[in-house]
Protein backbone atom coordinates (compact mmCIF):
# COMPACT_ATOMS: atom_id res chain seq x y z
CA MET A 1 35.76 40.88 26.93
CA GLY A 2 33.35 38.92 24.73
CA TRP A 3 30.33 40.01 26.80
CA LEU A 4 31.43 43.63 26.66
CA LEU A 5 31.84 43.52 22.91
CA ASP A 6 28.45 41.71 22.53
CA LEU A 7 26.76 44.59 24.40
CA ILE A 8 28.54 47.24 22.35
CA THR A 9 27.82 45.46 19.00
CA ALA A 10 24.10 44.95 19.77
CA ALA A 11 23.61 48.49 21.05
CA SER A 12 25.48 49.91 18.02
CA ALA A 13 23.44 47.94 15.54
CA GLU A 14 20.22 49.04 17.25
CA LEU A 15 21.13 52.73 17.28
CA VAL A 16 22.40 52.76 13.68
CA SER A 17 19.15 51.09 12.57
CA ARG A 18 17.02 53.67 14.46
CA LEU A 19 19.03 56.58 13.03
CA TRP A 20 19.15 55.23 9.44
CA HIS A 21 17.13 57.94 7.76
CA PRO A 22 17.97 61.05 5.71
CA ALA A 23 17.38 63.52 8.56
CA THR A 24 20.29 61.97 10.53
CA LEU A 25 22.70 62.39 7.68
CA ASP A 26 21.48 65.96 7.00
CA VAL A 27 22.28 66.94 10.53
CA LEU A 28 25.77 65.36 10.46
CA ALA A 29 26.49 66.84 7.06
CA ALA A 30 25.44 70.24 8.18
CA GLY A 31 27.43 69.90 11.46
CA HIS A 32 24.87 71.82 13.49
CA ASP A 33 22.18 70.87 15.96
CA ARG A 34 18.54 72.13 16.00
CA HIS A 35 19.67 75.25 17.78
CA ASP A 36 22.15 75.96 15.03
CA ARG A 37 25.12 75.20 17.39
CA ARG A 38 28.15 73.57 15.87
CA LEU A 39 28.33 69.93 16.78
CA PRO A 40 31.34 68.87 18.81
CA ALA A 41 34.04 66.75 17.04
CA GLN A 42 33.80 64.05 19.68
CA GLY A 43 31.14 61.53 18.54
CA HIS A 44 29.78 60.77 22.03
CA VAL A 45 29.48 64.49 22.84
CA ALA A 46 27.68 65.14 19.60
CA ALA A 47 25.29 62.19 20.19
CA ALA A 48 24.51 63.56 23.68
CA ARG A 49 23.81 67.06 22.26
CA LEU A 50 21.44 65.48 19.64
CA GLY A 51 19.74 63.13 22.19
CA TRP A 52 20.91 59.96 20.52
CA GLY A 53 21.43 57.00 22.77
CA PRO A 54 21.35 53.21 22.47
CA VAL A 55 18.75 50.90 23.87
CA TYR A 56 20.36 47.80 25.40
CA PRO A 57 18.84 44.27 25.08
CA GLY A 58 16.55 43.26 27.93
CA VAL A 59 16.92 44.57 31.38
CA VAL A 60 20.76 45.08 31.53
CA TYR A 61 22.80 47.44 33.59
CA VAL A 62 25.42 49.14 31.41
CA PRO A 63 27.67 51.95 32.74
CA SER A 64 27.31 55.31 31.01
CA ARG A 65 30.95 55.13 29.85
CA VAL A 66 30.09 52.09 27.69
CA THR A 67 27.36 54.20 26.12
CA ARG A 68 29.96 56.78 25.22
CA VAL A 69 31.93 54.07 23.37
CA VAL A 70 28.76 53.00 21.55
CA THR A 71 27.74 56.49 20.45
CA ALA A 72 31.26 57.52 19.46
CA LYS A 73 31.40 54.46 17.21
CA VAL A 74 27.94 55.09 15.70
CA VAL A 75 28.46 58.75 15.00
CA ALA A 76 31.85 58.06 13.44
CA THR A 77 30.25 55.55 11.14
CA LEU A 78 27.38 57.79 10.19
CA ARG A 79 29.67 60.78 9.65
CA SER A 80 31.72 58.79 7.17
CA LEU A 81 28.55 57.87 5.28
CA ALA A 82 27.28 61.43 5.09
CA TYR A 83 29.77 62.12 2.19
CA ARG A 84 28.57 58.97 0.38
CA ASP A 85 24.97 60.08 0.86
CA THR A 86 25.72 63.40 -0.80
CA ALA A 87 27.48 61.69 -3.68
CA ILE A 88 24.69 59.13 -4.18
CA ALA A 89 22.10 61.98 -4.38
CA ALA A 90 24.15 63.72 -7.03
CA LEU A 91 24.76 60.52 -9.03
CA SER A 92 21.17 59.35 -8.81
CA ALA A 93 20.07 62.72 -10.39
CA ARG A 94 22.19 61.74 -13.46
CA PHE A 95 21.03 58.09 -13.59
CA ASP A 96 18.70 56.88 -16.29
CA PRO A 97 16.67 53.86 -15.02
CA ALA A 98 15.81 52.83 -18.58
CA THR A 99 19.43 52.37 -19.71
CA GLY A 100 21.21 51.98 -16.43
CA ALA A 101 23.71 54.71 -17.48
CA LEU A 102 25.02 57.73 -15.69
CA ALA A 103 25.09 61.07 -17.51
CA PRO A 104 28.45 62.84 -17.31
CA PRO A 105 28.85 65.46 -14.57
CA THR A 106 28.10 69.10 -15.49
CA VAL A 107 30.05 70.78 -12.62
CA SER A 108 33.35 69.90 -11.05
CA ALA A 109 31.72 69.36 -7.64
CA GLU A 110 29.90 66.26 -9.09
CA TYR A 111 33.14 64.46 -10.03
CA VAL A 112 33.90 61.26 -8.11
CA SER A 113 36.30 58.47 -8.68
CA ALA A 114 35.43 55.90 -11.39
CA GLY A 115 35.38 53.00 -8.90
CA PHE A 116 32.98 54.93 -6.61
CA ALA A 117 30.71 55.77 -9.51
CA ARG A 118 30.64 52.11 -10.67
CA GLY A 119 29.71 50.91 -7.18
CA VAL A 120 26.87 53.48 -6.86
CA ARG A 121 25.62 52.70 -10.35
CA ARG A 122 25.28 48.99 -9.32
CA GLN A 123 23.26 50.07 -6.39
CA LEU A 124 20.99 52.36 -8.48
CA VAL A 125 20.43 49.61 -11.04
CA ALA A 126 19.43 47.25 -8.24
CA HIS A 127 17.08 49.77 -6.74
CA SER A 128 15.57 50.41 -10.19
CA ARG A 129 14.86 46.70 -10.59
CA ARG A 130 13.28 46.47 -7.16
CA THR A 131 10.97 49.45 -7.75
CA GLY A 132 10.17 48.66 -11.38
CA GLY A 133 12.02 51.60 -12.69
CA ALA A 134 10.15 54.16 -10.54
CA GLN A 135 12.57 56.67 -9.07
CA SER A 136 12.49 60.12 -7.57
CA THR A 137 14.89 62.73 -8.93
CA ARG A 138 17.41 62.25 -6.19
CA LEU A 139 17.83 59.14 -4.05
CA ARG A 140 19.47 58.99 -0.68
CA ILE A 141 21.78 56.32 0.63
CA THR A 142 19.08 55.08 3.03
CA GLU A 143 16.94 54.22 -0.06
CA VAL A 144 19.54 52.15 -1.89
CA GLN A 145 21.14 50.26 1.02
CA GLY A 146 20.42 49.06 4.44
CA PRO A 147 22.03 50.15 7.69
CA PRO A 148 25.79 49.48 7.79
CA GLN A 149 26.95 46.52 9.88
CA THR A 150 28.94 47.37 13.02
CA SER A 151 32.09 45.49 13.99
CA ALA A 152 32.77 43.93 17.35
CA MET A 153 35.27 46.39 18.77
CA ALA A 154 35.44 48.87 21.60
CA ARG A 155 37.22 52.20 21.00
CA LEU A 156 38.19 52.97 24.57
CA SER A 157 39.36 56.48 23.65
CA ALA A 158 35.76 57.70 24.06
CA ALA A 159 35.71 56.69 27.74
CA ASP A 160 37.52 57.93 30.75
CA ARG A 161 39.29 56.42 33.80
CA GLN A 162 35.96 55.08 35.14
CA LEU A 163 35.98 52.52 32.31
CA ALA A 164 39.58 52.18 31.29
CA GLN A 165 43.08 53.59 31.82
CA ILE A 166 46.60 52.77 30.70
CA ILE A 167 49.50 53.56 32.98
CA SER A 168 53.28 52.78 33.15
CA THR A 169 54.37 51.05 36.26
CA GLY A 170 57.80 49.60 36.95
CA GLY A 171 58.74 49.76 33.34
CA GLU A 172 55.54 48.00 32.20
CA LEU A 173 52.46 49.35 30.52
CA VAL A 174 49.36 48.25 32.34
CA LEU A 175 45.80 48.40 30.90
CA THR A 176 42.83 48.33 33.32
CA VAL A 177 39.34 47.87 31.87
CA LYS A 178 35.95 47.53 33.57
CA LEU A 179 34.28 44.41 32.22
CA PRO A 180 30.94 42.61 32.80
CA THR A 181 30.99 39.23 34.61
CA SER A 182 27.92 37.92 32.85
CA PRO A 183 26.19 38.51 29.45
CA ALA A 184 23.29 40.32 31.13
CA THR A 185 24.54 42.31 34.11
CA ALA A 186 21.93 43.26 36.74
CA GLY A 187 23.88 45.93 38.57
CA ARG A 188 27.20 47.70 39.28
CA ALA A 189 28.51 44.76 41.26
CA GLN A 190 28.63 42.64 38.12
CA TRP A 191 31.14 45.05 36.45
CA VAL A 192 34.68 44.32 37.62
CA ARG A 193 38.12 45.65 36.68
CA LEU A 194 40.53 43.51 34.76
CA THR A 195 44.22 44.46 34.73
CA ALA A 196 46.61 43.29 32.06
CA THR A 197 50.21 43.98 31.04
CA VAL A 198 50.67 45.39 27.54
CA PRO A 199 53.23 43.37 25.51
CA ALA A 200 56.78 44.69 25.71
CA TYR A 201 57.05 45.26 21.96
CA LEU A 202 54.46 48.04 22.18
CA HIS A 203 56.26 50.00 24.90
CA GLY A 204 58.34 52.11 22.57
CA ARG A 205 55.42 53.29 20.37
CA PRO A 206 54.24 56.89 21.25
CA VAL A 207 50.58 56.00 20.79
CA THR A 208 50.56 53.63 23.81
CA ASP A 209 51.69 56.54 26.06
CA ARG A 210 48.83 58.89 25.07
CA HIS A 211 45.88 56.90 23.82
CA LEU A 212 43.65 54.06 25.06
CA PRO A 213 43.53 51.22 22.56
CA THR A 214 40.74 49.73 20.47
CA LEU A 215 39.80 46.36 21.85
CA ALA A 216 38.68 43.35 19.77
CA ILE A 217 38.88 39.55 20.06
CA ASP A 218 41.37 37.73 17.89
CA ARG A 219 39.40 34.69 16.71
CA ARG A 220 42.58 32.88 15.69
CA ALA A 221 43.89 32.57 19.23
């Protein structure tokens, strides 16, 4: 499991870093591709439509279903930051580098929570100090902060039965996941299926009957 999560984390970080520019957020905010077609809600399908895919470290064989997990995770992260990018652009237009103050909003669409505004103001002040007070009219999130860090987790809901499935057999829930047998797999033979019984206390919860889980390693045990 650790090797699977290492691959997903490294690939996610590489893809986020490569996509960390305003054009990416503009596309996600607009919700349309370059042919003006609406982007699918599923992150991995949207990434495939846009031609976004991860590059894995070294010469490593990784099933395409793992790539789905990576791109679904990355697109979900970037979509959540598209709103923040829009808000930062609006707040930066009202920011005075000389005083470090934000002018009050002039239209209702510019209103954000006080806590959010304070956090963005700190970022704008830090950016102003780094650049000696030089600032364009509107800043983007990619100018005031680096790419977001990605957590070590695998959202299996983006995959299909070729990577993972959960079934009920004999009154038990059984999860089967394809996992690498080494940190740098060279081919299909080094990906094997691991089957594990889901704890009984989860059996009565509807989510376990319909959705694959998100996998992570509990460092406490």
